[in-house]
């Protein structure tokens, strides 16, 4: 069983930065190294959308809407996934979740069978 806990959300003005963290439970082993993990977000009244992912081998990919502004990274020693968000825009507002797909070797999508954290709120004001 993998348990994920997000933190680091908050309220910022447009152009500001935040760094989100997703800590995996020690009991689940080195989650960030074993699993493909991703960040997702959900704005009020909208569907959950994929933001970025980090494969177990280390390669990363991003949604076009955040490319060049967000950076996903991981610290295997701390078993933690991060999302550095710069140049934030009001449209980045939402609840941010990290996820790991239960099926090792595959990456999470909003509709797959994943382990999810409880989310952390990000609010960007104009």
N, C-alpha and C. Protein backbone atom coordinates (compact mmCIF):
# COMPACT_ATOMS: atom_id res chain seq x y z
N UNK A 1 0.84 -1.19 0.00
CA UNK A 1 0.00 0.00 0.00
C UNK A 1 0.88 1.24 0.00
N UNK A 2 0.57 2.17 -0.89
CA UNK A 2 1.32 3.42 -1.00
C UNK A 2 0.47 4.55 -0.44
N UNK A 3 1.04 5.31 0.45
CA UNK A 3 0.35 6.49 0.96
C UNK A 3 1.12 7.73 0.54
N UNK A 4 0.39 8.71 0.04
CA UNK A 4 0.98 9.94 -0.47
C UNK A 4 0.39 11.14 0.26
N UNK A 5 1.25 12.07 0.64
CA UNK A 5 0.79 13.27 1.35
C UNK A 5 1.38 14.50 0.68
N UNK A 6 0.51 15.34 0.13
CA UNK A 6 0.95 16.58 -0.52
C UNK A 6 1.01 17.73 0.50
N UNK A 7 1.87 18.68 0.19
CA UNK A 7 1.96 19.90 0.99
C UNK A 7 2.57 20.99 0.13
N UNK A 8 2.52 22.22 0.62
CA UNK A 8 3.17 23.33 -0.07
C UNK A 8 2.25 24.26 -0.81
N UNK A 9 0.97 23.94 -0.85
CA UNK A 9 0.04 24.83 -1.53
C UNK A 9 -0.14 26.13 -0.77
N UNK A 10 -0.83 27.06 -1.39
CA UNK A 10 -1.09 28.35 -0.75
C UNK A 10 -1.68 29.34 -1.72
N UNK A 11 -1.71 30.58 -1.29
CA UNK A 11 -2.24 31.66 -2.12
C UNK A 11 -1.11 32.59 -2.52
N UNK A 12 -1.01 32.86 -3.81
CA UNK A 12 0.04 33.75 -4.33
C UNK A 12 -0.56 34.64 -5.39
N UNK A 13 0.15 35.71 -5.68
CA UNK A 13 -0.26 36.58 -6.78
C UNK A 13 0.32 36.05 -8.09
N UNK A 14 -0.31 36.44 -9.17
CA UNK A 14 0.18 36.05 -10.49
C UNK A 14 1.65 36.44 -10.64
N UNK A 15 2.42 35.54 -11.22
CA UNK A 15 3.85 35.75 -11.37
C UNK A 15 4.67 35.15 -10.25
N UNK A 16 4.00 34.74 -9.18
CA UNK A 16 4.69 34.17 -8.04
C UNK A 16 5.05 32.70 -8.24
N UNK A 17 5.62 32.14 -7.18
CA UNK A 17 6.09 30.74 -7.24
C UNK A 17 5.63 29.97 -6.00
N UNK A 18 5.48 28.68 -6.19
CA UNK A 18 5.22 27.75 -5.10
C UNK A 18 5.95 26.45 -5.40
N UNK A 19 6.28 25.74 -4.33
CA UNK A 19 6.89 24.42 -4.48
C UNK A 19 6.03 23.41 -3.73
N UNK A 20 5.46 22.49 -4.46
CA UNK A 20 4.65 21.44 -3.87
C UNK A 20 5.51 20.22 -3.58
N UNK A 21 5.17 19.53 -2.50
CA UNK A 21 5.86 18.30 -2.14
C UNK A 21 4.85 17.17 -2.02
N UNK A 22 5.29 15.97 -2.33
CA UNK A 22 4.46 14.78 -2.19
C UNK A 22 5.32 13.72 -1.52
N UNK A 23 5.07 13.50 -0.25
CA UNK A 23 5.86 12.55 0.52
C UNK A 23 5.18 11.19 0.51
N UNK A 24 5.95 10.18 0.14
CA UNK A 24 5.44 8.81 0.13
C UNK A 24 5.80 8.13 1.44
N UNK A 25 4.91 7.26 1.88
CA UNK A 25 5.13 6.59 3.16
C UNK A 25 6.33 5.66 3.07
N UNK A 26 7.08 5.58 4.16
CA UNK A 26 8.26 4.72 4.21
C UNK A 26 7.88 3.26 4.08
N UNK A 27 6.69 2.91 4.57
CA UNK A 27 6.26 1.51 4.54
C UNK A 27 6.08 1.00 3.12
N UNK A 28 5.93 1.92 2.17
CA UNK A 28 5.70 1.50 0.78
C UNK A 28 7.01 1.31 0.03
N UNK A 29 8.13 1.47 0.72
CA UNK A 29 9.40 1.33 0.04
C UNK A 29 9.75 2.60 -0.72
N UNK A 30 10.72 2.53 -1.62
CA UNK A 30 11.15 3.71 -2.36
C UNK A 30 10.19 3.95 -3.52
N UNK A 31 9.07 4.58 -3.19
CA UNK A 31 7.99 4.77 -4.16
C UNK A 31 8.44 5.59 -5.36
N UNK A 32 9.13 6.70 -5.11
CA UNK A 32 9.45 7.60 -6.21
C UNK A 32 10.43 6.97 -7.19
N UNK A 33 11.17 5.96 -6.75
CA UNK A 33 12.09 5.27 -7.65
C UNK A 33 11.42 4.11 -8.38
N UNK A 34 10.43 3.50 -7.75
CA UNK A 34 9.79 2.32 -8.33
C UNK A 34 8.66 2.65 -9.27
N UNK A 35 7.93 3.74 -8.95
CA UNK A 35 6.72 4.03 -9.69
C UNK A 35 6.90 5.25 -10.62
N UNK A 36 6.15 5.23 -11.71
CA UNK A 36 5.96 6.47 -12.46
C UNK A 36 4.96 7.30 -11.66
N UNK A 37 5.32 8.53 -11.36
CA UNK A 37 4.46 9.38 -10.54
C UNK A 37 4.13 10.66 -11.29
N UNK A 38 2.97 11.19 -10.96
CA UNK A 38 2.55 12.40 -11.65
C UNK A 38 1.86 13.40 -10.74
N UNK A 39 1.76 14.60 -11.24
CA UNK A 39 0.98 15.67 -10.61
C UNK A 39 -0.24 15.95 -11.48
N UNK A 40 -1.34 16.15 -10.80
CA UNK A 40 -2.60 16.46 -11.45
C UNK A 40 -3.22 17.66 -10.74
N UNK A 41 -4.18 18.30 -11.39
CA UNK A 41 -4.88 19.40 -10.74
C UNK A 41 -6.35 19.39 -11.18
N UNK A 42 -7.15 19.98 -10.31
CA UNK A 42 -8.58 20.06 -10.59
C UNK A 42 -9.10 21.40 -10.14
N UNK A 43 -9.60 22.16 -11.10
CA UNK A 43 -10.21 23.45 -10.80
C UNK A 43 -11.70 23.24 -10.52
N UNK A 44 -12.32 24.13 -9.78
CA UNK A 44 -13.75 23.98 -9.47
C UNK A 44 -14.58 23.85 -10.74
N UNK A 45 -15.43 22.83 -10.78
CA UNK A 45 -16.31 22.63 -11.93
C UNK A 45 -15.65 22.01 -13.14
N UNK A 46 -14.38 21.65 -13.01
CA UNK A 46 -13.66 21.06 -14.15
C UNK A 46 -13.17 19.67 -13.79
N UNK A 47 -12.82 18.92 -14.82
CA UNK A 47 -12.29 17.59 -14.61
C UNK A 47 -10.83 17.66 -14.17
N UNK A 48 -10.41 16.62 -13.48
CA UNK A 48 -9.01 16.54 -13.08
C UNK A 48 -8.15 16.39 -14.33
N UNK A 49 -7.04 17.14 -14.38
CA UNK A 49 -6.18 17.09 -15.55
C UNK A 49 -4.74 16.80 -15.15
N UNK A 50 -4.05 16.16 -16.06
CA UNK A 50 -2.65 15.82 -15.86
C UNK A 50 -1.80 17.08 -16.02
N UNK A 51 -0.78 17.21 -15.17
CA UNK A 51 0.11 18.36 -15.21
C UNK A 51 1.53 17.96 -15.61
N UNK A 52 2.07 16.94 -14.95
CA UNK A 52 3.45 16.54 -15.21
C UNK A 52 3.66 15.13 -14.68
N UNK A 53 4.68 14.46 -15.20
CA UNK A 53 5.00 13.14 -14.69
C UNK A 53 6.50 12.91 -14.68
N UNK A 54 6.91 12.02 -13.78
CA UNK A 54 8.31 11.62 -13.65
C UNK A 54 8.37 10.11 -13.68
N UNK A 55 9.00 9.57 -14.71
CA UNK A 55 9.11 8.12 -14.81
C UNK A 55 10.16 7.62 -13.83
N UNK A 56 10.07 6.34 -13.51
CA UNK A 56 11.01 5.78 -12.55
C UNK A 56 12.45 5.93 -13.04
N UNK A 57 12.65 5.91 -14.35
CA UNK A 57 14.00 6.05 -14.91
C UNK A 57 14.50 7.48 -14.86
N UNK A 58 13.59 8.43 -14.59
CA UNK A 58 14.01 9.82 -14.43
C UNK A 58 13.55 10.78 -15.49
N UNK A 59 13.06 10.29 -16.62
CA UNK A 59 12.59 11.21 -17.65
C UNK A 59 11.29 11.88 -17.19
N UNK A 60 11.05 13.06 -17.72
CA UNK A 60 9.89 13.85 -17.31
C UNK A 60 9.12 14.34 -18.54
N UNK A 61 7.86 14.69 -18.31
CA UNK A 61 7.06 15.29 -19.36
C UNK A 61 6.02 16.20 -18.71
N UNK A 62 5.53 17.17 -19.51
CA UNK A 62 4.66 18.21 -19.00
C UNK A 62 3.50 18.49 -19.94
N UNK A 63 2.40 18.93 -19.34
CA UNK A 63 1.31 19.44 -20.14
C UNK A 63 1.76 20.74 -20.81
N UNK A 64 1.25 21.01 -22.00
CA UNK A 64 1.65 22.21 -22.73
C UNK A 64 1.38 23.48 -21.92
N UNK A 65 0.34 23.46 -21.13
CA UNK A 65 -0.06 24.65 -20.38
C UNK A 65 0.94 25.05 -19.30
N UNK A 66 1.80 24.12 -18.89
CA UNK A 66 2.75 24.42 -17.81
C UNK A 66 4.19 24.30 -18.26
N UNK A 67 4.41 23.85 -19.47
CA UNK A 67 5.77 23.64 -19.97
C UNK A 67 6.56 24.94 -19.92
N UNK A 68 7.76 24.86 -19.38
CA UNK A 68 8.61 26.03 -19.27
C UNK A 68 8.40 26.81 -17.98
N UNK A 69 7.34 26.50 -17.26
CA UNK A 69 7.06 27.20 -15.98
C UNK A 69 7.15 26.26 -14.78
N UNK A 70 6.76 25.00 -14.97
CA UNK A 70 6.75 24.02 -13.88
C UNK A 70 7.89 23.02 -14.08
N UNK A 71 8.43 22.54 -12.98
CA UNK A 71 9.46 21.52 -13.02
C UNK A 71 9.14 20.43 -12.01
N UNK A 72 9.07 19.19 -12.48
CA UNK A 72 8.84 18.05 -11.60
C UNK A 72 10.19 17.43 -11.28
N UNK A 73 10.36 17.02 -10.04
CA UNK A 73 11.61 16.39 -9.64
C UNK A 73 11.32 15.43 -8.49
N UNK A 74 12.32 14.64 -8.15
CA UNK A 74 12.14 13.71 -7.04
C UNK A 74 13.44 13.56 -6.27
N UNK A 75 13.29 13.25 -5.00
CA UNK A 75 14.42 12.96 -4.13
C UNK A 75 14.21 11.55 -3.59
N UNK A 76 14.96 10.62 -4.13
CA UNK A 76 14.78 9.22 -3.73
C UNK A 76 15.15 9.00 -2.27
N UNK A 77 16.13 9.75 -1.79
CA UNK A 77 16.53 9.58 -0.39
C UNK A 77 15.42 9.98 0.57
N UNK A 78 14.64 10.98 0.16
CA UNK A 78 13.53 11.44 0.99
C UNK A 78 12.20 10.81 0.57
N UNK A 79 12.24 10.01 -0.50
CA UNK A 79 11.02 9.38 -1.02
C UNK A 79 9.94 10.42 -1.27
N UNK A 80 10.34 11.51 -1.91
CA UNK A 80 9.46 12.66 -2.10
C UNK A 80 9.50 13.16 -3.54
N UNK A 81 8.33 13.50 -4.03
CA UNK A 81 8.16 14.09 -5.37
C UNK A 81 7.87 15.57 -5.19
N UNK A 82 8.39 16.39 -6.10
CA UNK A 82 8.21 17.83 -6.00
C UNK A 82 7.62 18.39 -7.29
N UNK A 83 7.00 19.56 -7.16
CA UNK A 83 6.58 20.32 -8.33
C UNK A 83 6.89 21.78 -8.05
N UNK A 84 7.92 22.29 -8.73
CA UNK A 84 8.26 23.70 -8.63
C UNK A 84 7.44 24.45 -9.66
N UNK A 85 6.68 25.42 -9.18
CA UNK A 85 5.78 26.17 -10.06
C UNK A 85 6.20 27.64 -10.06
N UNK A 86 6.62 28.12 -11.20
CA UNK A 86 7.04 29.51 -11.37
C UNK A 86 6.10 30.23 -12.32
N UNK A 87 6.16 31.54 -12.31
CA UNK A 87 5.34 32.36 -13.21
C UNK A 87 3.88 31.92 -13.18
N UNK A 88 3.36 31.78 -11.99
CA UNK A 88 2.00 31.26 -11.82
C UNK A 88 0.97 32.22 -12.40
N UNK A 89 -0.08 31.62 -12.94
CA UNK A 89 -1.18 32.36 -13.55
C UNK A 89 -2.48 32.04 -12.82
N UNK A 90 -3.46 32.92 -12.91
CA UNK A 90 -4.75 32.61 -12.25
C UNK A 90 -5.35 31.28 -12.72
N UNK A 91 -5.11 30.91 -13.96
CA UNK A 91 -5.66 29.65 -14.48
C UNK A 91 -4.95 28.43 -13.92
N UNK A 92 -3.89 28.63 -13.13
CA UNK A 92 -3.24 27.51 -12.44
C UNK A 92 -3.94 27.17 -11.13
N UNK A 93 -4.92 27.96 -10.76
CA UNK A 93 -5.64 27.73 -9.52
C UNK A 93 -6.35 26.39 -9.53
N UNK A 94 -6.27 25.68 -8.42
CA UNK A 94 -6.95 24.40 -8.30
C UNK A 94 -6.38 23.58 -7.18
N UNK A 95 -6.96 22.39 -6.99
CA UNK A 95 -6.42 21.42 -6.04
C UNK A 95 -5.42 20.58 -6.78
N UNK A 96 -4.24 20.47 -6.22
CA UNK A 96 -3.17 19.71 -6.84
C UNK A 96 -2.98 18.38 -6.12
N UNK A 97 -2.90 17.32 -6.90
CA UNK A 97 -2.75 15.97 -6.37
C UNK A 97 -1.52 15.30 -6.97
N UNK A 98 -0.86 14.48 -6.17
CA UNK A 98 0.14 13.59 -6.75
C UNK A 98 -0.44 12.19 -6.79
N UNK A 99 0.08 11.39 -7.70
CA UNK A 99 -0.45 10.04 -7.88
C UNK A 99 0.64 9.11 -8.37
N UNK A 100 0.48 7.85 -8.03
CA UNK A 100 1.32 6.79 -8.55
C UNK A 100 0.39 5.70 -9.04
N UNK A 101 0.64 5.23 -10.24
CA UNK A 101 -0.22 4.18 -10.78
C UNK A 101 0.07 2.86 -10.06
N UNK A 102 -0.98 2.15 -9.70
CA UNK A 102 -0.81 0.89 -8.98
C UNK A 102 -0.01 -0.12 -9.80
N UNK A 103 -0.18 -0.08 -11.10
CA UNK A 103 0.51 -1.02 -11.96
C UNK A 103 1.91 -0.47 -12.24
N UNK A 104 2.90 -1.06 -11.60
CA UNK A 104 4.28 -0.59 -11.75
C UNK A 104 4.71 -0.70 -13.21
N UNK A 105 5.36 0.34 -13.69
CA UNK A 105 5.83 0.36 -15.07
C UNK A 105 4.95 1.17 -15.99
N UNK A 106 3.81 1.62 -15.45
CA UNK A 106 2.90 2.45 -16.23
C UNK A 106 2.65 3.74 -15.47
N UNK A 107 2.33 4.78 -16.23
CA UNK A 107 2.16 6.09 -15.63
C UNK A 107 0.68 6.38 -15.35
N UNK A 108 0.41 7.17 -14.33
CA UNK A 108 -0.98 7.46 -13.97
C UNK A 108 -1.63 8.45 -14.93
N UNK A 109 -2.90 8.27 -15.14
CA UNK A 109 -3.75 9.24 -15.82
C UNK A 109 -4.92 9.50 -14.90
N UNK A 110 -5.74 10.50 -15.19
CA UNK A 110 -6.86 10.76 -14.29
C UNK A 110 -7.82 9.58 -14.13
N UNK A 111 -7.86 8.67 -15.09
CA UNK A 111 -8.86 7.61 -15.06
C UNK A 111 -8.30 6.23 -14.71
N UNK A 112 -7.00 6.15 -14.50
CA UNK A 112 -6.42 4.84 -14.18
C UNK A 112 -6.48 4.55 -12.68
N UNK A 113 -6.18 3.32 -12.34
CA UNK A 113 -6.20 2.88 -10.94
C UNK A 113 -4.90 3.34 -10.27
N UNK A 114 -5.02 4.40 -9.47
CA UNK A 114 -3.84 5.02 -8.91
C UNK A 114 -3.93 5.12 -7.39
N UNK A 115 -2.77 5.31 -6.80
CA UNK A 115 -2.72 5.80 -5.43
C UNK A 115 -2.77 7.32 -5.53
N UNK A 116 -3.62 7.95 -4.71
CA UNK A 116 -3.76 9.40 -4.73
C UNK A 116 -3.46 9.98 -3.35
N UNK A 117 -2.91 11.18 -3.34
CA UNK A 117 -2.83 11.93 -2.11
C UNK A 117 -4.14 12.67 -1.87
N UNK A 118 -4.19 13.41 -0.77
CA UNK A 118 -5.42 14.12 -0.42
C UNK A 118 -5.53 15.48 -1.10
N UNK A 119 -4.44 15.94 -1.68
CA UNK A 119 -4.45 17.20 -2.42
C UNK A 119 -3.99 18.38 -1.60
N UNK A 120 -3.49 19.41 -2.29
CA UNK A 120 -3.11 20.66 -1.66
C UNK A 120 -3.61 21.79 -2.55
N UNK A 121 -4.22 22.81 -1.95
CA UNK A 121 -4.87 23.87 -2.72
C UNK A 121 -3.87 24.94 -3.15
N UNK A 122 -3.97 25.31 -4.42
CA UNK A 122 -3.18 26.42 -4.96
C UNK A 122 -4.14 27.47 -5.50
N UNK A 123 -3.99 28.70 -5.03
CA UNK A 123 -4.83 29.79 -5.48
C UNK A 123 -3.95 30.92 -5.97
N UNK A 124 -4.15 31.32 -7.23
CA UNK A 124 -3.36 32.39 -7.82
C UNK A 124 -4.29 33.54 -8.16
N UNK A 125 -4.01 34.68 -7.58
CA UNK A 125 -4.85 35.85 -7.80
C UNK A 125 -4.18 36.79 -8.82
N UNK A 126 -5.03 37.50 -9.54
CA UNK A 126 -4.51 38.42 -10.57
C UNK A 126 -4.20 39.79 -10.00
